[in-house]
Amino acid sequence: MAESKGALIAKSVQKHAGRAKEKFLQNLGKVDRTLDDIFEEHLQNFNRQHQQAMRLQKEFNNYIRCIRAVQTASKSLMEAITEVYESGWSGHDLLYVQAQNMEMLWQDFSHKLGDQVLIPLNTYTNQFPEVRKKVEKRGRKLVDYDSQRHSFQNLQANAAKRRDDVKVTKGREQLEEAKRTYEVLNSELHDELPALYDSRVLFYVNNLQTLFSAEQLFHSESSKVFLELEAITDKLATDCQRGGYKKPALNNTAHNNNLPLNGNGGANAVQRSPVPPEKPHGEEKKQIDVELGSEKERKDSHSEQRDEVYDIPVGATLSGLPAGTLYRVRATYRYTREDSDELSFDVGDVIRVVEYDDPEEQEEGWLMGIKESTNEKGMFPANFTRPI
């Protein structure tokens, strides 16, 4: 017949009381305890591993909350920027596109951190509580084993006087059962704890690589967006300096007759990308060369040729430049070369401005430069760049 609920409770209370008594005696040094130095080392590693994993999980949860808050703030900021950037300004549509690109980058970054970093980290940390329960159970069974061992030792000592073989036999059976239960758990943990500890290396490699890769991709792609946005505002600044957004004064005829004003300076003027200055090619260049040669022959052949002078634009940094570099510029627009002596570049490329090999080849509005990313050399339109 199954034991009653009351009997089970009484048995549980008796077991807890026996364990408490055994621990008390062990702490006082009245009885010895079973020692396992190897297990204690495994347990120390487990505790340290658990603590570190929990801290990483806590800090990453905090980090991803901050990322999502910045994502929301970035979206609100870009919405405000697109609102103040008027539709008649140059690059308005492109600015709106880049704002959408930025929002998509934030969304992708946030999802990757959650799905590919946080979820695996949660799975990794979730295994520790189960192992912890097993360790605690092993500790209880060890106390039971030591308690039965001490009880059996007392029985053996008393049996010599009382000749009570029945109690000795029963005590031996209880001791063997307690030892068997403890050793099964102890053996399992001797395998599981070092395996769990060794698994941390591969997990952190995969988890951190995923995190760093997501960070690198996000910042790399977002920097391209901000380069485009910077180029848009640079173009707006250039147009503004040229008076492109000044409201034209009304003349009397237009005012009196209520006629619309036409012209390039009005508020409805179409803003265009910069156009490279005209550069002579082919027969036209040959004709200019002939004319220049004739003009040169008419000059005093014995006069010294004057040194070439380059105008350094305002804002150009002149310190720390490589030898032979006049100053550096950054491309604000993409340019694809039309001749072999020209230089192609993308928005954001940095170019070192250098002197022409032959000063006679210099063209108005064109510079000679070396693209830093490839070391290619060629002519390029100055109005596609800005000094840095």
Protein backbone atom coordinates (compact mmCIF):
# COMPACT_ATOMS: atom_id res chain seq x y z
CA MET A 1 0.00 0.00 0.00
CA ALA A 2 1.28 3.46 -0.93
CA GLU A 3 2.53 5.62 1.88
CA SER A 4 0.17 8.28 3.15
CA LYS A 5 0.86 11.96 2.61
CA GLY A 6 1.57 12.42 6.28
CA ALA A 7 4.12 9.60 6.26
CA LEU A 8 5.89 11.09 3.24
CA ILE A 9 6.08 14.48 4.94
CA ALA A 10 7.45 12.91 8.09
CA LYS A 11 10.05 11.00 6.09
CA SER A 12 11.11 14.18 4.26
CA VAL A 13 11.42 16.10 7.52
CA GLN A 14 13.49 13.30 9.02
CA LYS A 15 15.80 13.28 5.97
CA HIS A 16 16.33 17.06 6.12
CA ALA A 17 16.97 16.88 9.85
CA GLY A 18 19.52 14.11 9.33
CA ARG A 19 21.37 16.12 6.68
CA ALA A 20 21.37 19.23 8.88
CA LYS A 21 22.81 17.23 11.76
CA GLU A 22 25.51 15.69 9.55
CA LYS A 23 26.56 19.10 8.17
CA PHE A 24 26.64 20.53 11.68
CA LEU A 25 28.92 17.76 12.91
CA GLN A 26 31.14 18.12 9.85
CA ASN A 27 31.48 21.86 10.40
CA LEU A 28 32.44 21.27 14.01
CA GLY A 29 34.99 18.70 12.93
CA LYS A 30 33.28 15.94 14.88
CA VAL A 31 33.00 13.72 11.81
CA ASP A 32 34.93 13.58 8.57
CA ARG A 33 33.54 14.34 5.11
CA THR A 34 34.25 12.76 1.73
CA LEU A 35 36.61 14.99 -0.28
CA ASP A 36 36.99 15.17 -4.08
CA ASP A 37 39.61 17.73 -5.10
CA ILE A 38 39.09 17.18 -8.83
CA PHE A 39 35.35 17.82 -8.53
CA GLU A 40 36.00 20.96 -6.50
CA GLU A 41 38.20 22.28 -9.32
CA HIS A 42 35.46 21.53 -11.86
CA LEU A 43 32.96 23.28 -9.61
CA GLN A 44 35.12 26.41 -9.33
CA ASN A 45 35.42 26.57 -13.13
CA PHE A 46 31.66 26.11 -13.47
CA ASN A 47 30.89 28.89 -10.99
CA ARG A 48 33.26 31.28 -12.75
CA GLN A 49 31.88 30.35 -16.17
CA HIS A 50 28.30 30.85 -14.96
CA GLN A 51 29.08 34.23 -13.42
CA GLN A 52 30.82 35.52 -16.55
CA ALA A 53 28.05 34.31 -18.85
CA MET A 54 25.38 35.98 -16.73
CA ARG A 55 27.26 39.28 -16.74
CA LEU A 56 27.70 39.14 -20.52
CA GLN A 57 23.99 38.43 -20.94
CA LYS A 58 23.08 41.34 -18.64
CA GLU A 59 25.37 43.83 -20.38
CA PHE A 60 24.33 42.76 -23.87
CA ASN A 61 20.64 43.06 -22.99
CA ASN A 62 21.37 46.58 -21.82
CA TYR A 63 23.38 47.30 -24.98
CA ILE A 64 20.69 46.11 -27.35
CA ARG A 65 18.07 48.19 -25.49
CA CYS A 66 20.27 51.23 -26.06
CA ILE A 67 20.73 50.33 -29.74
CA ARG A 68 16.97 50.18 -30.22
CA ALA A 69 16.56 53.52 -28.44
CA VAL A 70 19.16 55.11 -30.73
CA GLN A 71 17.42 53.50 -33.71
CA THR A 72 14.19 55.27 -32.75
CA ALA A 73 16.02 58.55 -32.14
CA SER A 74 17.82 58.27 -35.50
CA LYS A 75 14.54 57.75 -37.33
CA SER A 76 12.99 60.82 -35.66
CA LEU A 77 16.06 62.91 -36.43
CA MET A 78 16.13 61.95 -40.11
CA GLU A 79 12.41 62.69 -40.38
CA ALA A 80 13.05 66.17 -38.98
CA ILE A 81 15.98 66.70 -41.38
CA THR A 82 13.94 65.72 -44.44
CA GLU A 83 11.20 68.05 -43.24
CA VAL A 84 13.47 71.10 -42.99
CA TYR A 85 15.29 70.28 -46.26
CA GLU A 86 13.02 72.05 -48.72
CA SER A 87 11.89 70.36 -51.91
CA GLY A 88 13.39 73.08 -54.10
CA TRP A 89 16.89 72.53 -52.75
CA SER A 90 19.40 70.47 -54.70
CA GLY A 91 19.56 66.81 -53.73
CA HIS A 92 16.22 66.80 -51.90
CA ASP A 93 15.08 63.48 -53.37
CA LEU A 94 18.49 61.90 -52.83
CA LEU A 95 18.51 63.03 -49.21
CA TYR A 96 15.12 61.37 -48.66
CA VAL A 97 16.46 58.14 -50.20
CA GLN A 98 19.52 58.18 -47.96
CA ALA A 99 17.33 58.76 -44.90
CA GLN A 100 15.36 55.64 -45.82
CA ASN A 101 18.60 53.73 -46.33
CA MET A 102 19.73 54.75 -42.86
CA GLU A 103 16.51 53.50 -41.31
CA MET A 104 16.89 50.15 -43.10
CA LEU A 105 20.47 49.82 -41.87
CA TRP A 106 19.35 50.39 -38.28
CA GLN A 107 16.55 47.82 -38.63
CA ASP A 108 18.89 45.20 -40.10
CA PHE A 109 21.51 45.86 -37.43
CA SER A 110 19.00 45.60 -34.59
CA HIS A 111 17.51 42.36 -35.95
CA LYS A 112 20.94 40.77 -36.34
CA LEU A 113 21.91 41.61 -32.79
CA GLY A 114 18.68 40.13 -31.47
CA ASP A 115 18.41 37.01 -33.63
CA GLN A 116 22.05 36.07 -34.17
CA VAL A 117 23.69 37.24 -30.94
CA LEU A 118 21.16 37.59 -28.10
CA ILE A 119 19.12 34.42 -28.73
CA PRO A 120 22.20 32.13 -28.87
CA LEU A 121 23.54 33.85 -25.74
CA ASN A 122 20.24 33.19 -23.92
CA THR A 123 20.37 29.54 -24.99
CA TYR A 124 23.93 29.26 -23.69
CA THR A 125 23.09 30.74 -20.28
CA ASN A 126 19.88 28.71 -19.90
CA GLN A 127 21.86 25.49 -19.45
CA PHE A 128 23.51 26.66 -16.23
CA PRO A 129 20.45 26.48 -13.90
CA GLU A 130 19.85 22.81 -14.83
CA VAL A 131 23.47 21.92 -14.19
CA ARG A 132 23.33 23.91 -10.94
CA LYS A 133 20.38 21.79 -9.76
CA LYS A 134 22.33 18.64 -10.50
CA VAL A 135 25.34 19.93 -8.56
CA GLU A 136 23.14 20.74 -5.57
CA LYS A 137 21.53 17.30 -5.72
CA ARG A 138 24.97 15.71 -5.81
CA GLY A 139 25.83 17.70 -2.67
CA ARG A 140 22.76 16.38 -0.85
CA LYS A 141 23.50 12.81 -1.85
CA LEU A 142 27.08 13.20 -0.65
CA VAL A 143 25.79 14.28 2.78
CA ASP A 144 23.45 11.26 2.81
CA TYR A 145 26.35 8.98 1.91
CA ASP A 146 28.57 10.41 4.66
CA SER A 147 25.70 10.15 7.16
CA GLN A 148 25.10 6.48 6.29
CA ARG A 149 28.83 5.83 6.46
CA HIS A 150 29.06 7.25 9.96
CA SER A 151 25.91 5.39 11.07
CA PHE A 152 27.33 2.12 9.78
CA GLN A 153 30.60 2.74 11.58
CA ASN A 154 28.66 3.21 14.82
CA LEU A 155 26.68 0.03 14.17
CA GLN A 156 29.86 -1.93 13.64
CA ALA A 157 31.32 -0.59 16.87
CA ASN A 158 28.16 -1.50 18.85
CA ALA A 159 27.64 -4.83 17.12
CA ALA A 160 30.84 -6.22 18.65
CA LYS A 161 29.27 -5.69 22.05
CA ARG A 162 25.64 -6.58 21.30
CA ARG A 163 26.17 -9.10 18.49
CA ASP A 164 23.28 -7.46 16.49
CA ASP A 165 24.00 -8.81 13.01
CA VAL A 166 20.57 -7.85 11.61
CA LYS A 167 21.14 -4.11 12.11
CA VAL A 168 24.63 -4.37 10.72
CA THR A 169 23.35 -6.09 7.59
CA LYS A 170 20.61 -3.50 7.10
CA GLY A 171 23.05 -0.66 7.75
CA ARG A 172 25.44 -2.08 5.15
CA GLU A 173 22.64 -2.21 2.56
CA GLN A 174 21.64 1.41 3.26
CA LEU A 175 25.26 2.49 3.01
CA GLU A 176 25.75 0.74 -0.34
CA GLU A 177 22.55 2.29 -1.71
CA ALA A 178 23.57 5.78 -0.59
CA LYS A 179 27.06 5.30 -2.06
CA ARG A 180 25.67 4.05 -5.37
CA THR A 181 23.26 7.01 -5.72
CA TYR A 182 26.03 9.50 -4.93
CA GLU A 183 28.59 7.93 -7.26
CA VAL A 184 26.21 7.92 -10.24
CA LEU A 185 25.61 11.68 -9.92
CA ASN A 186 29.25 12.34 -9.14
CA SER A 187 30.43 10.41 -12.21
CA GLU A 188 28.00 12.24 -14.51
CA LEU A 189 29.15 15.65 -13.25
CA HIS A 190 32.78 14.66 -13.61
CA ASP A 191 32.02 14.33 -17.32
CA GLU A 192 29.54 17.18 -17.79
CA LEU A 193 31.29 20.00 -15.92
CA PRO A 194 34.62 19.94 -17.83
CA ALA A 195 32.76 19.44 -21.14
CA LEU A 196 30.60 22.48 -20.42
CA TYR A 197 33.64 24.51 -19.40
CA ASP A 198 35.53 23.60 -22.58
CA SER A 199 32.52 24.51 -24.75
CA ARG A 200 32.81 28.18 -23.77
CA VAL A 201 35.67 28.85 -26.21
CA LEU A 202 33.83 27.84 -29.39
CA PHE A 203 30.63 29.54 -28.24
CA TYR A 204 32.32 32.87 -27.53
CA VAL A 205 34.23 32.70 -30.82
CA ASN A 206 31.02 32.30 -32.82
CA ASN A 207 28.99 34.73 -30.73
CA LEU A 208 31.57 37.51 -30.68
CA GLN A 209 32.45 37.11 -34.35
CA THR A 210 28.78 37.55 -35.20
CA LEU A 211 28.57 40.63 -33.00
CA PHE A 212 31.71 42.26 -34.39
CA SER A 213 30.77 41.42 -37.98
CA ALA A 214 27.33 43.01 -37.56
CA GLU A 215 28.93 46.10 -35.99
CA GLN A 216 31.52 46.41 -38.76
CA LEU A 217 28.95 46.05 -41.55
CA PHE A 218 26.58 48.56 -39.98
CA HIS A 219 29.21 51.23 -39.41
CA SER A 220 30.75 50.67 -42.85
CA GLU A 221 27.43 51.01 -44.69
CA SER A 222 26.20 53.90 -42.52
CA SER A 223 29.44 55.81 -43.16
CA LYS A 224 28.68 55.60 -46.90
CA VAL A 225 25.24 57.06 -46.27
CA PHE A 226 26.69 59.95 -44.30
CA LEU A 227 29.27 60.60 -47.02
CA GLU A 228 26.40 60.94 -49.48
CA LEU A 229 24.53 63.23 -47.10
CA GLU A 230 27.65 65.33 -46.61
CA ALA A 231 28.06 65.63 -50.38
CA ILE A 232 24.43 66.75 -50.72
CA THR A 233 24.83 69.52 -48.16
CA ASP A 234 28.18 70.53 -49.67
CA LYS A 235 26.44 71.00 -53.01
CA LEU A 236 23.70 73.02 -51.33
CA ALA A 237 26.34 75.23 -49.71
CA THR A 238 28.06 75.79 -53.07
CA ASP A 239 24.80 76.70 -54.77
CA CYS A 240 23.92 79.04 -51.92
CA GLN A 241 27.28 80.82 -52.18
CA ARG A 242 26.67 81.34 -55.88
CA GLY A 243 23.34 82.97 -55.11
CA GLY A 244 21.26 80.08 -56.41
CA TYR A 245 18.65 80.42 -53.66
CA LYS A 246 18.35 84.19 -53.42
CA LYS A 247 14.93 85.52 -54.31
CA PRO A 248 15.26 87.70 -57.44
CA ALA A 249 14.21 91.33 -57.16
CA LEU A 250 10.95 92.12 -58.97
CA ASN A 251 11.28 94.66 -61.80
CA ASN A 252 8.56 97.21 -62.32
CA THR A 253 7.28 95.62 -65.52
CA ALA A 254 6.84 92.23 -63.97
CA HIS A 255 5.32 93.76 -60.84
CA ASN A 256 2.90 96.09 -62.60
CA ASN A 257 1.74 93.59 -65.15
CA ASN A 258 1.69 90.66 -62.69
CA LEU A 259 3.93 88.62 -65.02
CA PRO A 260 5.90 85.55 -63.85
CA LEU A 261 9.66 85.93 -63.71
CA ASN A 262 11.82 83.59 -65.77
CA GLY A 263 15.53 83.03 -65.31
CA ASN A 264 18.17 80.91 -63.66
CA GLY A 265 18.11 82.64 -60.30
CA GLY A 266 14.45 82.15 -59.39
CA ALA A 267 13.10 79.98 -56.63
CA ASN A 268 11.88 77.42 -59.17
CA ALA A 269 15.22 77.13 -60.95
CA VAL A 270 16.26 73.52 -61.61
CA GLN A 271 19.35 72.49 -59.65
CA ARG A 272 21.81 70.34 -61.57
CA SER A 273 24.89 68.32 -60.87
CA PRO A 274 28.18 70.08 -61.67
CA VAL A 275 29.43 69.79 -65.22
CA PRO A 276 33.13 69.33 -65.93
CA PRO A 277 34.71 72.39 -67.56
CA GLU A 278 35.24 72.11 -71.30
CA LYS A 279 38.62 70.68 -72.18
CA PRO A 280 40.03 70.95 -75.74
CA HIS A 281 40.36 67.64 -77.55
CA GLY A 282 41.43 66.37 -80.96
CA GLU A 283 41.78 68.92 -83.79
CA GLU A 284 40.73 71.75 -81.52
CA LYS A 285 43.58 70.96 -79.13
CA LYS A 286 46.03 70.69 -82.01
CA GLN A 287 44.96 74.12 -83.28
CA ILE A 288 45.40 75.61 -79.80
CA ASP A 289 48.82 73.98 -79.53
CA VAL A 290 49.82 75.54 -82.88
CA GLU A 291 48.62 78.94 -81.75
CA LEU A 292 50.40 78.61 -78.44
CA GLY A 293 53.57 77.56 -80.27
CA SER A 294 53.41 80.56 -82.57
CA GLU A 295 52.83 82.85 -79.64
CA LYS A 296 55.75 81.32 -77.82
CA GLU A 297 58.02 81.84 -80.83
CA ARG A 298 57.16 85.51 -80.82
CA LYS A 299 58.36 85.81 -77.23
CA ASP A 300 61.97 86.42 -76.37
CA SER A 301 63.57 83.00 -76.72
CA HIS A 302 66.21 83.92 -74.15
CA SER A 303 63.77 84.98 -71.39
CA GLU A 304 63.48 82.68 -68.42
CA GLN A 305 60.25 80.74 -68.01
CA ARG A 306 58.40 81.88 -64.88
CA ASP A 307 57.59 79.37 -62.07
CA GLU A 308 54.08 77.92 -62.13
CA VAL A 309 51.82 79.18 -59.29
CA TYR A 310 48.92 77.11 -57.91
CA ASP A 311 46.04 78.73 -56.05
CA ILE A 312 45.52 76.86 -52.76
CA PRO A 313 41.79 76.96 -51.91
CA VAL A 314 40.58 78.22 -48.57
CA GLY A 315 40.14 75.41 -46.04
CA ALA A 316 42.80 73.14 -47.50
CA THR A 317 45.14 71.55 -44.96
CA LEU A 318 48.79 72.03 -45.88
CA SER A 319 50.54 70.27 -43.00
CA GLY A 320 51.51 66.60 -42.90
CA LEU A 321 51.16 66.08 -46.66
CA PRO A 322 53.22 63.55 -48.62
CA ALA A 323 56.09 64.93 -50.67
CA GLY A 324 54.95 66.57 -53.91
CA THR A 325 51.35 67.02 -52.71
CA LEU A 326 49.92 70.54 -52.92
CA TYR A 327 46.79 69.73 -50.90
CA ARG A 328 44.10 67.04 -50.68
CA VAL A 329 40.47 66.98 -51.82
CA ARG A 330 37.51 64.68 -51.27
CA ALA A 331 35.13 63.77 -54.10
CA THR A 332 31.63 65.12 -53.59
CA TYR A 333 30.31 63.62 -56.84
CA ARG A 334 31.13 60.56 -58.87
CA TYR A 335 33.12 61.16 -62.03
CA THR A 336 33.84 58.71 -64.86
CA ARG A 337 36.74 59.62 -67.08
CA GLU A 338 36.19 60.34 -70.75
CA ASP A 339 39.85 60.24 -71.80
CA SER A 340 42.78 58.05 -70.83
CA ASP A 341 44.55 60.99 -69.17
CA GLU A 342 41.64 61.60 -66.78
CA LEU A 343 40.88 60.14 -63.35
CA SER A 344 37.69 58.32 -62.36
CA PHE A 345 36.47 58.38 -58.75
CA ASP A 346 33.47 57.78 -56.48
CA VAL A 347 31.92 59.97 -53.82
CA GLY A 348 34.16 60.08 -50.77
CA ASP A 349 37.40 59.18 -52.55
CA VAL A 350 40.41 61.21 -51.41
CA ILE A 351 42.72 62.66 -54.07
CA ARG A 352 46.13 64.26 -53.63
CA VAL A 353 46.49 67.33 -55.86
CA VAL A 354 49.91 67.49 -57.53
CA GLU A 355 51.59 69.67 -60.15
CA TYR A 356 51.23 68.91 -63.83
CA ASP A 357 54.27 67.21 -65.33
CA ASP A 358 54.09 69.79 -68.11
CA PRO A 359 52.65 73.15 -66.97
CA GLU A 360 51.60 73.84 -70.57
CA GLU A 361 49.01 71.04 -70.32
CA GLN A 362 47.13 72.64 -67.42
CA GLU A 363 43.50 73.41 -68.25
CA GLU A 364 41.25 75.90 -66.46
CA GLY A 365 38.95 74.21 -63.98
CA TRP A 366 40.95 70.95 -64.06
CA LEU A 367 43.45 69.61 -61.55
CA MET A 368 46.06 66.88 -61.68
CA GLY A 369 45.80 64.36 -58.88
CA ILE A 370 46.56 60.92 -57.48
CA LYS A 371 43.70 58.86 -56.04
CA GLU A 372 44.88 57.58 -52.65
CA SER A 373 43.02 54.26 -52.74
CA THR A 374 44.60 53.10 -56.03
CA ASN A 375 47.50 55.52 -56.67
CA GLU A 376 46.04 56.20 -60.13
CA LYS A 377 47.05 59.55 -61.59
CA GLY A 378 45.12 61.79 -63.95
CA MET A 379 43.25 65.02 -64.56
CA PHE A 380 39.89 65.64 -62.94
CA PRO A 381 37.31 68.46 -62.74
CA ALA A 382 37.87 70.58 -59.63
CA ASN A 383 34.17 71.30 -59.13
CA PHE A 384 33.51 67.63 -58.43
CA THR A 385 35.59 67.86 -55.24
CA ARG A 386 36.13 69.95 -52.16
CA PRO A 387 39.40 70.64 -50.27
CA ILE A 388 40.09 68.91 -46.97
